């Protein structure tokens, strides 16, 4: 996530509802929130969830694994 990322995310989804969530593998509250987002996405298949992980590139495998675990991969 760099300068201009938010504008690109919004432009790519122009006119569509979406959820933008910032999270981290080290966040104490994030697993609960990711689970809720996954459940919401299952109830609303057309709703796009955009995740922004605030982790280092070294943690990318763990972030991908957790996203899949919560139905957000």
PDB file of N, CA and C in Angstrom:
ATOM      1  N   UNK A   1       0.854  -1.160   0.000  1.00  0.00           N
ATOM      2  CA  UNK A   1       0.000   0.000   0.000  1.00  0.00           C
ATOM      3  C   UNK A   1       0.895   1.216   0.000  1.00  0.00           C
ATOM      4  N   UNK A   2       0.811   1.978  -1.059  1.00  0.00           N
ATOM      5  CA  UNK A   2       1.665   3.160  -1.222  1.00  0.00           C
ATOM      6  C   UNK A   2       0.792   4.350  -1.606  1.00  0.00           C
ATOM      7  N   UNK A   3       1.422   5.511  -1.717  1.00  0.00           N
ATOM      8  CA  UNK A   3       0.682   6.700  -2.140  1.00  0.00           C
ATOM      9  C   UNK A   3      -0.042   6.401  -3.449  1.00  0.00           C
ATOM     10  N   UNK A   4      -1.320   6.693  -3.487  1.00  0.00           N
ATOM     11  CA  UNK A   4      -2.113   6.455  -4.687  1.00  0.00           C
ATOM     12  C   UNK A   4      -2.845   5.128  -4.694  1.00  0.00           C
ATOM     13  N   UNK A   5      -2.516   4.234  -3.765  1.00  0.00           N
ATOM     14  CA  UNK A   5      -3.166   2.917  -3.734  1.00  0.00           C
ATOM     15  C   UNK A   5      -4.667   3.016  -3.490  1.00  0.00           C
ATOM     16  N   UNK A   6      -5.055   3.860  -2.555  1.00  0.00           N
ATOM     17  CA  UNK A   6      -6.479   3.984  -2.249  1.00  0.00           C
ATOM     18  C   UNK A   6      -7.253   4.465  -3.471  1.00  0.00           C
ATOM     19  N   UNK A   7      -6.733   5.446  -4.169  1.00  0.00           N
ATOM     20  CA  UNK A   7      -7.409   5.954  -5.368  1.00  0.00           C
ATOM     21  C   UNK A   7      -7.569   4.850  -6.411  1.00  0.00           C
ATOM     22  N   UNK A   8      -6.560   4.011  -6.574  1.00  0.00           N
ATOM     23  CA  UNK A   8      -6.640   2.908  -7.536  1.00  0.00           C
ATOM     24  C   UNK A   8      -7.680   1.875  -7.102  1.00  0.00           C
ATOM     25  N   UNK A   9      -7.718   1.583  -5.816  1.00  0.00           N
ATOM     26  CA  UNK A   9      -8.692   0.607  -5.297  1.00  0.00           C
ATOM     27  C   UNK A   9     -10.110   1.120  -5.545  1.00  0.00           C
ATOM     28  N   UNK A  10     -10.350   2.375  -5.222  1.00  0.00           N
ATOM     29  CA  UNK A  10     -11.682   2.971  -5.400  1.00  0.00           C
ATOM     30  C   UNK A  10     -12.040   3.047  -6.887  1.00  0.00           C
ATOM     31  N   UNK A  11     -11.115   3.463  -7.719  1.00  0.00           N
ATOM     32  CA  UNK A  11     -11.384   3.590  -9.152  1.00  0.00           C
ATOM     33  C   UNK A  11     -11.715   2.244  -9.785  1.00  0.00           C
ATOM     34  N   UNK A  12     -11.074   1.196  -9.335  1.00  0.00           N
ATOM     35  CA  UNK A  12     -11.318  -0.135  -9.889  1.00  0.00           C
ATOM     36  C   UNK A  12     -12.698  -0.665  -9.513  1.00  0.00           C
ATOM     37  N   UNK A  13     -13.295  -0.080  -8.511  1.00  0.00           N
ATOM     38  CA  UNK A  13     -14.609  -0.538  -8.039  1.00  0.00           C
ATOM     39  C   UNK A  13     -15.651   0.582  -8.144  1.00  0.00           C
ATOM     40  N   UNK A  14     -15.459   1.483  -9.054  1.00  0.00           N
ATOM     41  CA  UNK A  14     -16.311   2.651  -9.204  1.00  0.00           C
ATOM     42  C   UNK A  14     -17.782   2.256  -9.259  1.00  0.00           C
ATOM     43  N   UNK A  15     -18.552   2.832  -8.351  1.00  0.00           N
ATOM     44  CA  UNK A  15     -19.982   2.583  -8.331  1.00  0.00           C
ATOM     45  C   UNK A  15     -20.396   1.283  -7.639  1.00  0.00           C
ATOM     46  N   UNK A  16     -19.428   0.515  -7.146  1.00  0.00           N
ATOM     47  CA  UNK A  16     -19.742  -0.749  -6.484  1.00  0.00           C
ATOM     48  C   UNK A  16     -19.415  -0.653  -4.991  1.00  0.00           C
ATOM     49  N   UNK A  17     -20.229  -1.315  -4.206  1.00  0.00           N
ATOM     50  CA  UNK A  17     -19.956  -1.371  -2.771  1.00  0.00           C
ATOM     51  C   UNK A  17     -18.815  -2.347  -2.518  1.00  0.00           C
ATOM     52  N   UNK A  18     -17.931  -1.984  -1.599  1.00  0.00           N
ATOM     53  CA  UNK A  18     -16.852  -2.881  -1.196  1.00  0.00           C
ATOM     54  C   UNK A  18     -16.417  -2.530   0.219  1.00  0.00           C
ATOM     55  N   UNK A  19     -15.737  -3.468   0.835  1.00  0.00           N
ATOM     56  CA  UNK A  19     -15.190  -3.264   2.172  1.00  0.00           C
ATOM     57  C   UNK A  19     -13.678  -3.234   2.040  1.00  0.00           C
ATOM     58  N   UNK A  20     -13.056  -2.249   2.634  1.00  0.00           N
ATOM     59  CA  UNK A  20     -11.603  -2.139   2.662  1.00  0.00           C
ATOM     60  C   UNK A  20     -11.177  -2.354   4.106  1.00  0.00           C
ATOM     61  N   UNK A  21     -10.369  -3.388   4.338  1.00  0.00           N
ATOM     62  CA  UNK A  21      -9.960  -3.722   5.701  1.00  0.00           C
ATOM     63  C   UNK A  21      -8.442  -3.784   5.802  1.00  0.00           C
ATOM     64  N   UNK A  22      -7.922  -3.096   6.782  1.00  0.00           N
ATOM     65  CA  UNK A  22      -6.501  -3.136   7.086  1.00  0.00           C
ATOM     66  C   UNK A  22      -6.310  -4.112   8.247  1.00  0.00           C
ATOM     67  N   UNK A  23      -5.299  -4.959   8.150  1.00  0.00           N
ATOM     68  CA  UNK A  23      -5.095  -5.962   9.184  1.00  0.00           C
ATOM     69  C   UNK A  23      -3.634  -6.375   9.231  1.00  0.00           C
ATOM     70  N   UNK A  24      -3.307  -7.197  10.234  1.00  0.00           N
ATOM     71  CA  UNK A  24      -1.947  -7.678  10.398  1.00  0.00           C
ATOM     72  C   UNK A  24      -1.977  -9.060  11.045  1.00  0.00           C
ATOM     73  N   UNK A  25      -0.996  -9.870  10.730  1.00  0.00           N
ATOM     74  CA  UNK A  25      -0.931 -11.199  11.344  1.00  0.00           C
ATOM     75  C   UNK A  25      -0.674 -11.096  12.837  1.00  0.00           C
ATOM     76  N   UNK A  26      -0.147  -9.985  13.305  1.00  0.00           N
ATOM     77  CA  UNK A  26       0.159  -9.808  14.723  1.00  0.00           C
ATOM     78  C   UNK A  26      -0.923  -9.062  15.490  1.00  0.00           C
ATOM     79  N   UNK A  27      -2.011  -8.729  14.853  1.00  0.00           N
ATOM     80  CA  UNK A  27      -3.112  -7.991  15.468  1.00  0.00           C
ATOM     81  C   UNK A  27      -3.963  -8.944  16.314  1.00  0.00           C
ATOM     82  N   UNK A  28      -4.214  -8.558  17.551  1.00  0.00           N
ATOM     83  CA  UNK A  28      -4.995  -9.404  18.453  1.00  0.00           C
ATOM     84  C   UNK A  28      -6.461  -9.490  18.042  1.00  0.00           C
ATOM     85  N   UNK A  29      -7.006  -8.441  17.466  1.00  0.00           N
ATOM     86  CA  UNK A  29      -8.425  -8.395  17.112  1.00  0.00           C
ATOM     87  C   UNK A  29      -8.711  -8.846  15.680  1.00  0.00           C
ATOM     88  N   UNK A  30      -7.689  -8.906  14.855  1.00  0.00           N
ATOM     89  CA  UNK A  30      -7.887  -9.184  13.435  1.00  0.00           C
ATOM     90  C   UNK A  30      -8.492 -10.558  13.123  1.00  0.00           C
ATOM     91  N   UNK A  31      -8.128 -11.626  13.815  1.00  0.00           N
ATOM     92  CA  UNK A  31      -8.770 -12.907  13.491  1.00  0.00           C
ATOM     93  C   UNK A  31     -10.297 -12.852  13.628  1.00  0.00           C
ATOM     94  N   UNK A  32     -10.787 -12.201  14.659  1.00  0.00           N
ATOM     95  CA  UNK A  32     -12.236 -12.066  14.847  1.00  0.00           C
ATOM     96  C   UNK A  32     -12.847 -11.253  13.720  1.00  0.00           C
ATOM     97  N   UNK A  33     -12.172 -10.174  13.342  1.00  0.00           N
ATOM     98  CA  UNK A  33     -12.681  -9.318  12.269  1.00  0.00           C
ATOM     99  C   UNK A  33     -12.612 -10.024  10.916  1.00  0.00           C
ATOM    100  N   UNK A  34     -11.537 -10.770  10.658  1.00  0.00           N
ATOM    101  CA  UNK A  34     -11.435 -11.514   9.406  1.00  0.00           C
ATOM    102  C   UNK A  34     -12.513 -12.576   9.312  1.00  0.00           C
ATOM    103  N   UNK A  35     -12.788 -13.240  10.416  1.00  0.00           N
ATOM    104  CA  UNK A  35     -13.853 -14.246  10.433  1.00  0.00           C
ATOM    105  C   UNK A  35     -15.197 -13.594  10.108  1.00  0.00           C
ATOM    106  N   UNK A  36     -15.463 -12.456  10.717  1.00  0.00           N
ATOM    107  CA  UNK A  36     -16.726 -11.745  10.453  1.00  0.00           C
ATOM    108  C   UNK A  36     -16.802 -11.294   8.996  1.00  0.00           C
ATOM    109  N   UNK A  37     -15.695 -10.806   8.438  1.00  0.00           N
ATOM    110  CA  UNK A  37     -15.679 -10.397   7.033  1.00  0.00           C
ATOM    111  C   UNK A  37     -15.910 -11.588   6.113  1.00  0.00           C
ATOM    112  N   UNK A  38     -15.301 -12.726   6.432  1.00  0.00           N
ATOM    113  CA  UNK A  38     -15.513 -13.931   5.637  1.00  0.00           C
ATOM    114  C   UNK A  38     -16.960 -14.380   5.656  1.00  0.00           C
ATOM    115  N   UNK A  39     -17.579 -14.331   6.838  1.00  0.00           N
ATOM    116  CA  UNK A  39     -18.991 -14.709   6.966  1.00  0.00           C
ATOM    117  C   UNK A  39     -19.882 -13.730   6.204  1.00  0.00           C
ATOM    118  N   UNK A  40     -19.557 -12.451   6.280  1.00  0.00           N
ATOM    119  CA  UNK A  40     -20.339 -11.437   5.563  1.00  0.00           C
ATOM    120  C   UNK A  40     -20.216 -11.651   4.054  1.00  0.00           C
ATOM    121  N   UNK A  41     -19.034 -11.986   3.614  1.00  0.00           N
ATOM    122  CA  UNK A  41     -18.825 -12.228   2.183  1.00  0.00           C
ATOM    123  C   UNK A  41     -19.595 -13.454   1.721  1.00  0.00           C
ATOM    124  N   UNK A  42     -19.672 -14.479   2.551  1.00  0.00           N
ATOM    125  CA  UNK A  42     -20.432 -15.681   2.180  1.00  0.00           C
ATOM    126  C   UNK A  42     -21.924 -15.360   2.072  1.00  0.00           C
ATOM    127  N   UNK A  43     -22.429 -14.480   2.933  1.00  0.00           N
ATOM    128  CA  UNK A  43     -23.840 -14.083   2.882  1.00  0.00           C
ATOM    129  C   UNK A  43     -24.124 -13.129   1.729  1.00  0.00           C
ATOM    130  N   UNK A  44     -23.099 -12.420   1.284  1.00  0.00           N
ATOM    131  CA  UNK A  44     -23.231 -11.418   0.224  1.00  0.00           C
ATOM    132  C   UNK A  44     -22.149 -11.661  -0.828  1.00  0.00           C
ATOM    133  N   UNK A  45     -22.311 -12.676  -1.666  1.00  0.00           N
ATOM    134  CA  UNK A  45     -21.257 -13.052  -2.612  1.00  0.00           C
ATOM    135  C   UNK A  45     -20.826 -11.938  -3.565  1.00  0.00           C
ATOM    136  N   UNK A  46     -21.674 -10.990  -3.822  1.00  0.00           N
ATOM    137  CA  UNK A  46     -21.326  -9.904  -4.727  1.00  0.00           C
ATOM    138  C   UNK A  46     -20.517  -8.795  -4.074  1.00  0.00           C
ATOM    139  N   UNK A  47     -20.413  -8.841  -2.758  1.00  0.00           N
ATOM    140  CA  UNK A  47     -19.673  -7.808  -2.040  1.00  0.00           C
ATOM    141  C   UNK A  47     -18.189  -8.132  -2.067  1.00  0.00           C
ATOM    142  N   UNK A  48     -17.404  -7.214  -2.575  1.00  0.00           N
ATOM    143  CA  UNK A  48     -15.970  -7.431  -2.634  1.00  0.00           C
ATOM    144  C   UNK A  48     -15.321  -6.959  -1.338  1.00  0.00           C
ATOM    145  N   UNK A  49     -14.396  -7.757  -0.844  1.00  0.00           N
ATOM    146  CA  UNK A  49     -13.618  -7.405   0.335  1.00  0.00           C
ATOM    147  C   UNK A  49     -12.168  -7.241  -0.106  1.00  0.00           C
ATOM    148  N   UNK A  50     -11.629  -6.056   0.126  1.00  0.00           N
ATOM    149  CA  UNK A  50     -10.248  -5.764  -0.219  1.00  0.00           C
ATOM    150  C   UNK A  50      -9.456  -5.736   1.081  1.00  0.00           C
ATOM    151  N   UNK A  51      -8.477  -6.630   1.184  1.00  0.00           N
ATOM    152  CA  UNK A  51      -7.644  -6.690   2.379  1.00  0.00           C
ATOM    153  C   UNK A  51      -6.297  -6.030   2.120  1.00  0.00           C
ATOM    154  N   UNK A  52      -5.870  -5.223   3.067  1.00  0.00           N
ATOM    155  CA  UNK A  52      -4.548  -4.623   3.023  1.00  0.00           C
ATOM    156  C   UNK A  52      -3.815  -5.095   4.272  1.00  0.00           C
ATOM    157  N   UNK A  53      -2.825  -5.947   4.072  1.00  0.00           N
ATOM    158  CA  UNK A  53      -2.045  -6.460   5.196  1.00  0.00           C
ATOM    159  C   UNK A  53      -0.926  -5.484   5.531  1.00  0.00           C
ATOM    160  N   UNK A  54      -0.838  -5.125   6.793  1.00  0.00           N
ATOM    161  CA  UNK A  54       0.194  -4.195   7.258  1.00  0.00           C
ATOM    162  C   UNK A  54       1.378  -4.984   7.814  1.00  0.00           C
ATOM    163  N   UNK A  55       1.868  -5.906   7.011  1.00  0.00           N
ATOM    164  CA  UNK A  55       2.952  -6.788   7.421  1.00  0.00           C
ATOM    165  C   UNK A  55       4.125  -6.657   6.463  1.00  0.00           C
ATOM    166  N   UNK A  56       5.239  -7.260   6.830  1.00  0.00           N
ATOM    167  CA  UNK A  56       6.410  -7.222   5.962  1.00  0.00           C
ATOM    168  C   UNK A  56       6.251  -8.240   4.844  1.00  0.00           C
ATOM    169  N   UNK A  57       6.978  -8.072   3.755  1.00  0.00           N
ATOM    170  CA  UNK A  57       6.924  -9.064   2.670  1.00  0.00           C
ATOM    171  C   UNK A  57       7.283 -10.474   3.141  1.00  0.00           C
ATOM    172  N   UNK A  58       8.133 -10.579   4.163  1.00  0.00           N
ATOM    173  CA  UNK A  58       8.494 -11.895   4.696  1.00  0.00           C
ATOM    174  C   UNK A  58       7.293 -12.630   5.287  1.00  0.00           C
ATOM    175  N   UNK A  59       6.276 -11.873   5.706  1.00  0.00           N
ATOM    176  CA  UNK A  59       5.082 -12.467   6.308  1.00  0.00           C
ATOM    177  C   UNK A  59       3.994 -12.771   5.282  1.00  0.00           C
ATOM    178  N   UNK A  60       4.270 -12.540   4.007  1.00  0.00           N
ATOM    179  CA  UNK A  60       3.274 -12.747   2.950  1.00  0.00           C
ATOM    180  C   UNK A  60       2.684 -14.158   2.950  1.00  0.00           C
ATOM    181  N   UNK A  61       3.488 -15.220   3.132  1.00  0.00           N
ATOM    182  CA  UNK A  61       2.881 -16.554   3.166  1.00  0.00           C
ATOM    183  C   UNK A  61       1.856 -16.701   4.294  1.00  0.00           C
ATOM    184  N   UNK A  62       2.144 -16.123   5.462  1.00  0.00           N
ATOM    185  CA  UNK A  62       1.219 -16.208   6.590  1.00  0.00           C
ATOM    186  C   UNK A  62      -0.035 -15.379   6.327  1.00  0.00           C
ATOM    187  N   UNK A  63       0.111 -14.212   5.707  1.00  0.00           N
ATOM    188  CA  UNK A  63      -1.071 -13.401   5.428  1.00  0.00           C
ATOM    189  C   UNK A  63      -1.983 -14.110   4.436  1.00  0.00           C
ATOM    190  N   UNK A  64      -1.387 -14.712   3.423  1.00  0.00           N
ATOM    191  CA  UNK A  64      -2.191 -15.455   2.435  1.00  0.00           C
ATOM    192  C   UNK A  64      -2.895 -16.632   3.090  1.00  0.00           C
ATOM    193  N   UNK A  65      -2.190 -17.339   3.953  1.00  0.00           N
ATOM    194  CA  UNK A  65      -2.768 -18.500   4.641  1.00  0.00           C
ATOM    195  C   UNK A  65      -3.946 -18.085   5.516  1.00  0.00           C
ATOM    196  N   UNK A  66      -3.802 -17.003   6.242  1.00  0.00           N
ATOM    197  CA  UNK A  66      -4.889 -16.540   7.107  1.00  0.00           C
ATOM    198  C   UNK A  66      -6.075 -16.046   6.294  1.00  0.00           C
ATOM    199  N   UNK A  67      -5.835 -15.364   5.197  1.00  0.00           N
ATOM    200  CA  UNK A  67      -6.937 -14.907   4.352  1.00  0.00           C
ATOM    201  C   UNK A  67      -7.749 -16.086   3.851  1.00  0.00           C
ATOM    202  N   UNK A  68      -7.084 -17.130   3.414  1.00  0.00           N
ATOM    203  CA  UNK A  68      -7.778 -18.339   2.930  1.00  0.00           C
ATOM    204  C   UNK A  68      -8.540 -18.990   4.083  1.00  0.00           C
ATOM    205  N   UNK A  69      -7.911 -19.065   5.235  1.00  0.00           N
ATOM    206  CA  UNK A  69      -8.542 -19.697   6.409  1.00  0.00           C
ATOM    207  C   UNK A  69      -9.891 -19.061   6.723  1.00  0.00           C
ATOM    208  N   UNK A  70      -9.973 -17.740   6.538  1.00  0.00           N
ATOM    209  CA  UNK A  70     -11.210 -17.028   6.870  1.00  0.00           C
ATOM    210  C   UNK A  70     -12.106 -16.785   5.657  1.00  0.00           C
ATOM    211  N   UNK A  71     -11.857 -17.479   4.582  1.00  0.00           N
ATOM    212  CA  UNK A  71     -12.721 -17.381   3.403  1.00  0.00           C
ATOM    213  C   UNK A  71     -12.525 -16.106   2.610  1.00  0.00           C
ATOM    214  N   UNK A  72     -11.345 -15.530   2.718  1.00  0.00           N
ATOM    215  CA  UNK A  72     -11.090 -14.266   2.031  1.00  0.00           C
ATOM    216  C   UNK A  72      -9.921 -14.362   1.053  1.00  0.00           C
ATOM    217  N   UNK A  73      -9.528 -15.565   0.714  1.00  0.00           N
ATOM    218  CA  UNK A  73      -8.365 -15.751  -0.161  1.00  0.00           C
ATOM    219  C   UNK A  73      -8.685 -15.495  -1.604  1.00  0.00           C
TER     220      UNK A  73
END
